PDB file of all heavy atoms in Angstrom:
ATOM      1  N   LEU A   1      60.131 113.187 137.116  1.00  0.00           N
ATOM      2  CA  LEU A   1      59.475 114.188 137.956  1.00  0.00           C
ATOM      3  C   LEU A   1      58.904 115.258 137.043  1.00  0.00           C
ATOM      4  O   LEU A   1      59.617 115.780 136.171  1.00  0.00           O
ATOM      5  CB  LEU A   1      60.477 114.803 138.936  1.00  0.00           C
ATOM      6  CG  LEU A   1      59.892 115.621 140.094  1.00  0.00           C
ATOM      7  CD1 LEU A   1      59.185 114.709 141.088  1.00  0.00           C
ATOM      8  CD2 LEU A   1      60.999 116.403 140.793  1.00  0.00           C
ATOM      9  N   GLU A   2      57.607 115.595 137.235  1.00  0.00           N
ATOM     10  CA  GLU A   2      56.945 116.548 136.336  1.00  0.00           C
ATOM     11  C   GLU A   2      56.252 117.653 137.111  1.00  0.00           C
ATOM     12  O   GLU A   2      55.692 117.431 138.184  1.00  0.00           O
ATOM     13  CB  GLU A   2      55.918 115.816 135.470  1.00  0.00           C
ATOM     14  CG  GLU A   2      55.208 116.705 134.454  1.00  0.00           C
ATOM     15  CD  GLU A   2      53.912 117.330 134.989  1.00  0.00           C
ATOM     16  OE1 GLU A   2      53.371 116.828 136.001  1.00  0.00           O
ATOM     17  OE2 GLU A   2      53.463 118.343 134.411  1.00  0.00           O
ATOM     18  N   GLN A   3      56.309 118.874 136.555  1.00  0.00           N
ATOM     19  CA  GLN A   3      55.585 120.027 137.073  1.00  0.00           C
ATOM     20  C   GLN A   3      55.029 120.823 135.894  1.00  0.00           C
ATOM     21  O   GLN A   3      55.642 120.874 134.824  1.00  0.00           O
ATOM     22  CB  GLN A   3      56.506 120.940 137.886  1.00  0.00           C
ATOM     23  CG  GLN A   3      57.078 120.316 139.143  1.00  0.00           C
ATOM     24  CD  GLN A   3      58.090 121.212 139.816  1.00  0.00           C
ATOM     25  OE1 GLN A   3      58.943 121.806 139.162  1.00  0.00           O
ATOM     26  NE2 GLN A   3      58.006 121.325 141.139  1.00  0.00           N
ATOM     27  N   SER A   4      53.887 121.422 136.116  1.00  0.00           N
ATOM     28  CA  SER A   4      53.349 122.319 135.089  1.00  0.00           C
ATOM     29  C   SER A   4      54.149 123.616 135.076  1.00  0.00           C
ATOM     30  O   SER A   4      54.478 124.165 136.123  1.00  0.00           O
ATOM     31  CB  SER A   4      51.882 122.630 135.365  1.00  0.00           C
ATOM     32  OG  SER A   4      51.434 123.692 134.532  1.00  0.00           O
ATOM     33  N   ASN A   5      54.429 124.071 133.871  1.00  0.00           N
ATOM     34  CA  ASN A   5      55.076 125.378 133.697  1.00  0.00           C
ATOM     35  C   ASN A   5      54.129 126.348 132.983  1.00  0.00           C
ATOM     36  O   ASN A   5      54.555 127.378 132.494  1.00  0.00           O
ATOM     37  CB  ASN A   5      56.370 125.218 132.911  1.00  0.00           C
ATOM     38  CG  ASN A   5      57.254 126.441 132.971  1.00  0.00           C
ATOM     39  OD1 ASN A   5      57.624 126.902 134.048  1.00  0.00           O
ATOM     40  ND2 ASN A   5      57.596 126.996 131.807  1.00  0.00           N
ATOM     41  N   GLY A   6      52.847 125.952 132.933  1.00  0.00           N
ATOM     42  CA  GLY A   6      51.860 126.793 132.267  1.00  0.00           C
ATOM     43  C   GLY A   6      50.635 126.021 131.809  1.00  0.00           C
ATOM     44  O   GLY A   6      49.516 126.518 131.849  1.00  0.00           O
ATOM     45  N   ASP A   7      50.840 124.768 131.355  1.00  0.00           N
ATOM     46  CA  ASP A   7      49.729 123.956 130.863  1.00  0.00           C
ATOM     47  C   ASP A   7      48.884 123.460 132.025  1.00  0.00           C
ATOM     48  O   ASP A   7      49.408 122.895 132.984  1.00  0.00           O
ATOM     49  CB  ASP A   7      50.281 122.776 130.064  1.00  0.00           C
ATOM     50  CG  ASP A   7      49.189 122.019 129.328  1.00  0.00           C
ATOM     51  OD1 ASP A   7      48.065 122.546 129.215  1.00  0.00           O
ATOM     52  OD2 ASP A   7      49.455 120.885 128.865  1.00  0.00           O
ATOM     53  N   ALA A   8      47.563 123.629 131.919  1.00  0.00           N
ATOM     54  CA  ALA A   8      46.669 123.269 133.016  1.00  0.00           C
ATOM     55  C   ALA A   8      46.019 121.900 132.836  1.00  0.00           C
ATOM     56  O   ALA A   8      45.299 121.452 133.727  1.00  0.00           O
ATOM     57  CB  ALA A   8      45.570 124.325 133.156  1.00  0.00           C
ATOM     58  N   TYR A   9      46.291 121.225 131.707  1.00  0.00           N
ATOM     59  CA  TYR A   9      45.522 120.026 131.393  1.00  0.00           C
ATOM     60  C   TYR A   9      46.289 118.727 131.598  1.00  0.00           C
ATOM     61  O   TYR A   9      47.512 118.695 131.663  1.00  0.00           O
ATOM     62  CB  TYR A   9      45.017 120.101 129.950  1.00  0.00           C
ATOM     63  CG  TYR A   9      43.797 120.982 129.821  1.00  0.00           C
ATOM     64  CD1 TYR A   9      43.923 122.325 129.479  1.00  0.00           C
ATOM     65  CD2 TYR A   9      42.518 120.478 130.075  1.00  0.00           C
ATOM     66  CE1 TYR A   9      42.808 123.144 129.382  1.00  0.00           C
ATOM     67  CE2 TYR A   9      41.404 121.288 129.981  1.00  0.00           C
ATOM     68  CZ  TYR A   9      41.550 122.617 129.629  1.00  0.00           C
ATOM     69  OH  TYR A   9      40.448 123.425 129.540  1.00  0.00           O
ATOM     70  N   ASP A  10      45.495 117.627 131.685  1.00  0.00           N
ATOM     71  CA  ASP A  10      46.055 116.272 131.750  1.00  0.00           C
ATOM     72  C   ASP A  10      46.489 115.867 130.341  1.00  0.00           C
ATOM     73  O   ASP A  10      45.690 115.870 129.414  1.00  0.00           O
ATOM     74  CB  ASP A  10      45.032 115.293 132.326  1.00  0.00           C
ATOM     75  CG  ASP A  10      43.690 115.350 131.621  1.00  0.00           C
ATOM     76  OD1 ASP A  10      43.356 116.396 131.024  1.00  0.00           O
ATOM     77  OD2 ASP A  10      42.960 114.341 131.661  1.00  0.00           O
ATOM     78  N   ARG A  11      47.731 115.489 130.197  1.00  0.00           N
ATOM     79  CA  ARG A  11      48.297 115.214 128.872  1.00  0.00           C
ATOM     80  C   ARG A  11      48.959 113.840 128.829  1.00  0.00           C
ATOM     81  O   ARG A  11      49.477 113.351 129.823  1.00  0.00           O
ATOM     82  CB  ARG A  11      49.343 116.268 128.514  1.00  0.00           C
ATOM     83  CG  ARG A  11      48.863 117.707 128.583  1.00  0.00           C
ATOM     84  CD  ARG A  11      47.823 118.038 127.543  1.00  0.00           C
ATOM     85  NE  ARG A  11      47.562 119.473 127.480  1.00  0.00           N
ATOM     86  CZ  ARG A  11      46.697 120.053 126.641  1.00  0.00           C
ATOM     87  NH1 ARG A  11      45.993 119.312 125.798  1.00  0.00           N
ATOM     88  NH2 ARG A  11      46.534 121.366 126.649  1.00  0.00           N
ATOM     89  N   THR A  12      48.947 113.256 127.655  1.00  0.00           N
ATOM     90  CA  THR A  12      49.642 111.986 127.442  1.00  0.00           C
ATOM     91  C   THR A  12      51.146 112.213 127.412  1.00  0.00           C
ATOM     92  O   THR A  12      51.638 113.120 126.735  1.00  0.00           O
ATOM     93  CB  THR A  12      49.208 111.347 126.108  1.00  0.00           C
ATOM     94  OG1 THR A  12      47.790 111.159 126.114  1.00  0.00           O
ATOM     95  CG2 THR A  12      49.899 110.002 125.898  1.00  0.00           C
ATOM     96  N   GLY A  13      51.876 111.375 128.149  1.00  0.00           N
ATOM     97  CA  GLY A  13      53.331 111.438 128.143  1.00  0.00           C
ATOM     98  C   GLY A  13      53.921 110.055 127.882  1.00  0.00           C
ATOM     99  O   GLY A  13      53.300 109.024 128.169  1.00  0.00           O
ATOM    100  N   SER A  14      55.116 110.031 127.331  1.00  0.00           N
ATOM    101  CA  SER A  14      55.775 108.762 127.054  1.00  0.00           C
ATOM    102  C   SER A  14      57.282 108.934 127.150  1.00  0.00           C
ATOM    103  O   SER A  14      57.836 109.924 126.664  1.00  0.00           O
ATOM    104  CB  SER A  14      55.401 108.254 125.645  1.00  0.00           C
ATOM    105  OG  SER A  14      56.044 107.021 125.367  1.00  0.00           O
ATOM    106  N   VAL A  15      57.930 107.958 127.804  1.00  0.00           N
ATOM    107  CA  VAL A  15      59.383 107.863 127.812  1.00  0.00           C
ATOM    108  C   VAL A  15      59.734 106.697 126.894  1.00  0.00           C
ATOM    109  O   VAL A  15      59.200 105.594 127.058  1.00  0.00           O
ATOM    110  CB  VAL A  15      59.939 107.614 129.223  1.00  0.00           C
ATOM    111  CG1 VAL A  15      61.462 107.500 129.186  1.00  0.00           C
ATOM    112  CG2 VAL A  15      59.523 108.734 130.164  1.00  0.00           C
ATOM    113  N   PHE A  16      60.614 106.925 125.942  1.00  0.00           N
ATOM    114  CA  PHE A  16      60.847 105.917 124.912  1.00  0.00           C
ATOM    115  C   PHE A  16      62.307 105.875 124.477  1.00  0.00           C
ATOM    116  O   PHE A  16      63.095 106.782 124.754  1.00  0.00           O
ATOM    117  CB  PHE A  16      59.965 106.196 123.682  1.00  0.00           C
ATOM    118  CG  PHE A  16      60.165 107.566 123.085  1.00  0.00           C
ATOM    119  CD1 PHE A  16      61.170 107.811 122.152  1.00  0.00           C
ATOM    120  CD2 PHE A  16      59.347 108.623 123.472  1.00  0.00           C
ATOM    121  CE1 PHE A  16      61.353 109.077 121.606  1.00  0.00           C
ATOM    122  CE2 PHE A  16      59.522 109.892 122.933  1.00  0.00           C
ATOM    123  CZ  PHE A  16      60.534 110.120 122.001  1.00  0.00           C
ATOM    124  N   VAL A  17      62.639 104.798 123.802  1.00  0.00           N
ATOM    125  CA  VAL A  17      63.938 104.617 123.170  1.00  0.00           C
ATOM    126  C   VAL A  17      63.703 104.480 121.666  1.00  0.00           C
ATOM    127  O   VAL A  17      62.724 103.841 121.237  1.00  0.00           O
ATOM    128  CB  VAL A  17      64.655 103.370 123.724  1.00  0.00           C
ATOM    129  CG1 VAL A  17      65.813 102.952 122.817  1.00  0.00           C
ATOM    130  CG2 VAL A  17      65.168 103.627 125.129  1.00  0.00           C
ATOM    131  N   ILE A  18      64.578 105.067 120.870  1.00  0.00           N
ATOM    132  CA  ILE A  18      64.482 104.940 119.413  1.00  0.00           C
ATOM    133  C   ILE A  18      65.426 103.832 118.948  1.00  0.00           C
ATOM    134  O   ILE A  18      66.645 103.997 118.964  1.00  0.00           O
ATOM    135  CB  ILE A  18      64.835 106.251 118.697  1.00  0.00           C
ATOM    136  CG1 ILE A  18      63.883 107.371 119.124  1.00  0.00           C
ATOM    137  CG2 ILE A  18      64.788 106.063 117.187  1.00  0.00           C
ATOM    138  CD1 ILE A  18      64.167 108.706 118.463  1.00  0.00           C
ATOM    139  N   PRO A  19      64.898 102.662 118.543  1.00  0.00           N
ATOM    140  CA  PRO A  19      65.772 101.626 117.983  1.00  0.00           C
ATOM    141  C   PRO A  19      66.371 102.099 116.658  1.00  0.00           C
ATOM    142  O   PRO A  19      65.676 102.701 115.832  1.00  0.00           O
ATOM    143  CB  PRO A  19      64.827 100.438 117.763  1.00  0.00           C
ATOM    144  CG  PRO A  19      63.632 100.728 118.625  1.00  0.00           C
ATOM    145  CD  PRO A  19      63.504 102.215 118.646  1.00  0.00           C
ATOM    146  N   THR A  20      67.631 101.832 116.488  1.00  0.00           N
ATOM    147  CA  THR A  20      68.316 102.270 115.253  1.00  0.00           C
ATOM    148  C   THR A  20      69.003 101.092 114.567  1.00  0.00           C
ATOM    149  O   THR A  20      69.966 101.274 113.834  1.00  0.00           O
ATOM    150  CB  THR A  20      69.347 103.371 115.566  1.00  0.00           C
ATOM    151  OG1 THR A  20      70.261 102.900 116.561  1.00  0.00           O
ATOM    152  CG2 THR A  20      68.667 104.637 116.051  1.00  0.00           C
ATOM    153  N   ASP A  21      68.493  99.870 114.816  1.00  0.00           N
ATOM    154  CA  ASP A  21      69.130  98.681 114.253  1.00  0.00           C
ATOM    155  C   ASP A  21      68.588  98.313 112.871  1.00  0.00           C
ATOM    156  O   ASP A  21      69.005  97.325 112.276  1.00  0.00           O
ATOM    157  CB  ASP A  21      68.954  97.492 115.199  1.00  0.00           C
ATOM    158  CG  ASP A  21      67.489  97.189 115.485  1.00  0.00           C
ATOM    159  OD1 ASP A  21      66.658  98.119 115.376  1.00  0.00           O
ATOM    160  OD2 ASP A  21      67.182  96.034 115.818  1.00  0.00           O
ATOM    161  N   GLN A  22      67.631  99.099 112.360  1.00  0.00           N
ATOM    162  CA  GLN A  22      67.062  98.836 111.046  1.00  0.00           C
ATOM    163  C   GLN A  22      67.435  99.958 110.070  1.00  0.00           C
ATOM    164  O   GLN A  22      67.991 100.989 110.468  1.00  0.00           O
ATOM    165  CB  GLN A  22      65.544  98.711 111.148  1.00  0.00           C
ATOM    166  CG  GLN A  22      65.066  97.620 112.091  1.00  0.00           C
ATOM    167  CD  GLN A  22      65.470  96.239 111.643  1.00  0.00           C
ATOM    168  OE1 GLN A  22      65.349  95.892 110.460  1.00  0.00           O
ATOM    169  NE2 GLN A  22      65.973  95.425 112.572  1.00  0.00           N
ATOM    170  N   LYS A  23      67.122  99.751 108.812  1.00  0.00           N
ATOM    171  CA  LYS A  23      67.469 100.731 107.782  1.00  0.00           C
ATOM    172  C   LYS A  23      66.819 102.083 108.064  1.00  0.00           C
ATOM    173  O   LYS A  23      67.441 103.148 107.887  1.00  0.00           O
ATOM    174  CB  LYS A  23      67.030 100.208 106.408  1.00  0.00           C
ATOM    175  CG  LYS A  23      67.347 101.155 105.258  1.00  0.00           C
ATOM    176  CD  LYS A  23      66.884 100.575 103.933  1.00  0.00           C
ATOM    177  CE  LYS A  23      67.150 101.548 102.782  1.00  0.00           C
ATOM    178  NZ  LYS A  23      66.692 100.992 101.483  1.00  0.00           N
ATOM    179  N   THR A  24      65.571 102.054 108.528  1.00  0.00           N
ATOM    180  CA  THR A  24      64.833 103.285 108.839  1.00  0.00           C
ATOM    181  C   THR A  24      64.502 103.293 110.325  1.00  0.00           C
ATOM    182  O   THR A  24      64.182 102.248 110.901  1.00  0.00           O
ATOM    183  CB  THR A  24      63.529 103.357 108.031  1.00  0.00           C
ATOM    184  OG1 THR A  24      63.830 103.242 106.642  1.00  0.00           O
ATOM    185  CG2 THR A  24      62.802 104.673 108.282  1.00  0.00           C
ATOM    186  N   SER A  25      64.584 104.464 110.941  1.00  0.00           N
ATOM    187  CA  SER A  25      64.228 104.592 112.350  1.00  0.00           C
ATOM    188  C   SER A  25      63.283 105.772 112.531  1.00  0.00           C
ATOM    189  O   SER A  25      63.126 106.620 111.634  1.00  0.00           O
ATOM    190  CB  SER A  25      65.476 104.777 113.217  1.00  0.00           C
ATOM    191  OG  SER A  25      65.956 106.110 113.133  1.00  0.00           O
ATOM    192  N   PHE A  26      62.676 105.845 113.715  1.00  0.00           N
ATOM    193  CA  PHE A  26      61.785 106.960 114.022  1.00  0.00           C
ATOM    194  C   PHE A  26      62.542 108.283 113.992  1.00  0.00           C
ATOM    195  O   PHE A  26      61.952 109.341 113.738  1.00  0.00           O
ATOM    196  CB  PHE A  26      61.149 106.749 115.397  1.00  0.00           C
ATOM    197  CG  PHE A  26      59.947 107.596 115.639  1.00  0.00           C
ATOM    198  CD1 PHE A  26      58.689 107.220 115.187  1.00  0.00           C
ATOM    199  CD2 PHE A  26      60.047 108.790 116.326  1.00  0.00           C
ATOM    200  CE1 PHE A  26      57.573 108.004 115.410  1.00  0.00           C
ATOM    201  CE2 PHE A  26      58.938 109.588 116.572  1.00  0.00           C
ATOM    202  CZ  PHE A  26      57.694 109.195 116.097  1.00  0.00           C
ATOM    203  N   LEU A  27      63.847 108.224 114.216  1.00  0.00           N
ATOM    204  CA  LEU A  27      64.663 109.437 114.158  1.00  0.00           C
ATOM    205  C   LEU A  27      64.610 110.066 112.768  1.00  0.00           C
ATOM    206  O   LEU A  27      64.634 111.298 112.635  1.00  0.00           O
ATOM    207  CB  LEU A  27      66.104 109.107 114.546  1.00  0.00           C
ATOM    208  CG  LEU A  27      67.061 110.288 114.708  1.00  0.00           C
ATOM    209  CD1 LEU A  27      66.595 111.228 115.825  1.00  0.00           C
ATOM    210  CD2 LEU A  27      68.477 109.792 115.019  1.00  0.00           C
ATOM    211  N   ASP A  28      64.501 109.245 111.734  1.00  0.00           N
ATOM    212  CA  ASP A  28      64.372 109.781 110.371  1.00  0.00           C
ATOM    213  C   ASP A  28      63.091 110.589 110.246  1.00  0.00           C
ATOM    214  O   ASP A  28      63.067 111.641 109.581  1.00  0.00           O
ATOM    215  CB  ASP A  28      64.382 108.638 109.357  1.00  0.00           C
ATOM    216  CG  ASP A  28      65.691 107.862 109.368  1.00  0.00           C
ATOM    217  OD1 ASP A  28      66.759 108.508 109.399  1.00  0.00           O
ATOM    218  OD2 ASP A  28      65.646 106.625 109.352  1.00  0.00           O
ATOM    219  N   GLY A  29      62.021 110.101 110.867  1.00  0.00           N
ATOM    220  CA  GLY A  29      60.770 110.839 110.812  1.00  0.00           C
ATOM    221  C   GLY A  29      60.844 112.150 111.570  1.00  0.00           C
ATOM    222  O   GLY A  29      60.285 113.167 111.144  1.00  0.00           O
ATOM    223  N   LEU A  30      61.538 112.146 112.720  1.00  0.00           N
ATOM    224  CA  LEU A  30      61.698 113.379 113.475  1.00  0.00           C
ATOM    225  C   LEU A  30      62.466 114.417 112.671  1.00  0.00           C
ATOM    226  O   LEU A  30      62.141 115.614 112.686  1.00  0.00           O
ATOM    227  CB  LEU A  30      62.426 113.089 114.792  1.00  0.00           C
ATOM    228  CG  LEU A  30      61.651 112.280 115.841  1.00  0.00           C
ATOM    229  CD1 LEU A  30      62.552 111.923 117.012  1.00  0.00           C
ATOM    230  CD2 LEU A  30      60.427 113.054 116.331  1.00  0.00           C
ATOM    231  N   LYS A  31      63.470 113.970 111.976  1.00  0.00           N
ATOM    232  CA  LYS A  31      64.313 114.901 111.217  1.00  0.00           C
ATOM    233  C   LYS A  31      63.665 115.342 109.908  1.00  0.00           C
ATOM    234  O   LYS A  31      63.794 116.509 109.504  1.00  0.00           O
ATOM    235  CB  LYS A  31      65.661 114.241 110.917  1.00  0.00           C
ATOM    236  CG  LYS A  31      66.534 114.013 112.142  1.00  0.00           C
ATOM    237  CD  LYS A  31      67.836 113.318 111.754  1.00  0.00           C
ATOM    238  CE  LYS A  31      68.747 113.128 112.954  1.00  0.00           C
ATOM    239  NZ  LYS A  31      70.000 112.400 112.581  1.00  0.00           N
ATOM    240  N   ASN A  32      62.958 114.417 109.256  1.00  0.00           N
ATOM    241  CA  ASN A  32      62.494 114.679 107.897  1.00  0.00           C
ATOM    242  C   ASN A  32      60.979 114.757 107.750  1.00  0.00           C
ATOM    243  O   ASN A  32      60.482 114.985 106.647  1.00  0.00           O
ATOM    244  CB  ASN A  32      63.028 113.584 106.949  1.00  0.00           C
ATOM    245  CG  ASN A  32      64.532 113.465 107.011  1.00  0.00           C
ATOM    246  OD1 ASN A  32      65.249 114.462 107.001  1.00  0.00           O
ATOM    247  ND2 ASN A  32      65.027 112.231 107.073  1.00  0.00           N
ATOM    248  N   GLY A  33      60.254 114.560 108.867  1.00  0.00           N
ATOM    249  CA  GLY A  33      58.808 114.658 108.805  1.00  0.00           C
ATOM    250  C   GLY A  33      58.134 113.308 108.932  1.00  0.00           C
ATOM    251  O   GLY A  33      58.659 112.273 108.486  1.00  0.00           O
ATOM    252  N   ALA A  34      56.939 113.294 109.540  1.00  0.00           N
ATOM    253  CA  ALA A  34      56.225 112.047 109.809  1.00  0.00           C
ATOM    254  C   ALA A  34      55.893 111.297 108.528  1.00  0.00           C
ATOM    255  O   ALA A  34      55.824 110.058 108.515  1.00  0.00           O
ATOM    256  CB  ALA A  34      54.947 112.353 110.595  1.00  0.00           C
ATOM    257  N   LYS A  35      55.706 112.021 107.422  1.00  0.00           N
ATOM    258  CA  LYS A  35      55.309 111.373 106.178  1.00  0.00           C
ATOM    259  C   LYS A  35      56.401 110.485 105.587  1.00  0.00           C
ATOM    260  O   LYS A  35      56.134 109.671 104.693  1.00  0.00           O
ATOM    261  CB  LYS A  35      54.890 112.427 105.159  1.00  0.00           C
ATOM    262  CG  LYS A  35      53.625 113.178 105.555  1.00  0.00           C
ATOM    263  CD  LYS A  35      53.223 114.205 104.511  1.00  0.00           C
ATOM    264  CE  LYS A  35      51.942 114.926 104.923  1.00  0.00           C
ATOM    265  NZ  LYS A  35      51.530 115.950 103.925  1.00  0.00           N
TER     266      LYS A  35
END
């Protein structure tokens, strides 16, 4: 369920799961930077 709290525009949204079964995960990028 979504409501605007200030933003007036149409925005891309995604609900996702972070797989952690490999040596590196997307969580590493969140913590340490996309690079």
